[in-house]
């Protein structure tokens, strides 16, 4: 397997920069996600990887091979990459096996070798019993697995996935996430997965490139993005949490409970550092006596099944989210302990 290198890739449409000097190094066999809001450039980047779009600047390498640059553009069919689209793009008049084998027929493969490769690809997505069915007889999740098998049948170096679960309902998306994990574990293919759904990216990817307006905001593991987001924008985009002002710390520093609580108790003019506090790091005590250094009022309560989500207002006027095991009353005064926080860079 070969590593994928994206080196300061830029794509301009007129005066607009859809992708702006993006650089990533993807390890062989790694599952990476391009994550960001609509219009951030992630699908444009995927299309440049596939060869459907040319580069304005920069280079793309697969292993030691230059795929794209100012004077080089290897066509899609010569990149040994495969792409799974949001719409499945299956031929309705062909059987499942024929859909999977279609790329092989384009390469003039036939006979026993053809049948063996199709069977192997179907086995990778657990669809061997459905080989002779038509796509119309399958569920949405099964059709997506057919599209995956069609990608795998040619043994690509890289599989590109463009929001492949967007057309599925919530229950089926959850089931397909497990299918993707199993698929990656079995094949160890290099996967580049585009999505605007952070829960998908966090559940599936080894590393995530968070994009905003064509630029890379942060490139890290899901755990790092959640626990140590770089900026206020990434912190607001990834997960739930509250951003408060404290008189302590510096960007990239974790604040322990004692330091965090002292920093929150300082006068407003001294509280200049923004800190992210995740709701699971807040203890709520339904007692607002002066014993508690930090107090708040319950503004709203949302039932989430396994817990209640509390929306609180601190005495400073700042909003804070917390989890609790039981419902509290709107307007109720509570005491708080914040156990840790992460100091953020200001938004660029």
Foldseek 3Di string as FASTA:
>chain_A
DWKKWWAQFWDDDVPAILAGGDTDIGDQLFAEEEAEDPSQNQVVVLCVLQQVDATPATWMDTHNRTCHHPPHHNHNVPQLEAEQEQVLPFDQVAFLLCRLLVVVVVVVDDDPVSVVLSCVLCVLLVNNVRRGHGPVVDDLLVSSSSSSSSRPSSPGQEYEYEANCPVDDPVSVVVVLVSLQSSSVVNSHHYYYYDHDQVSRLSHGQWYFYGGSNYTQDIGHSVCLQAQNAAPVSNVSRADWFKDFFLDDDAQDKDFQVRRLNRRLDDPVNRDWIWTAHQAQKDKALDQDPVASWKWFFADWDDDPQWIWTWTATPVRGITIHTHRDDDDGGRMIGMGGGMIHTYDYDD
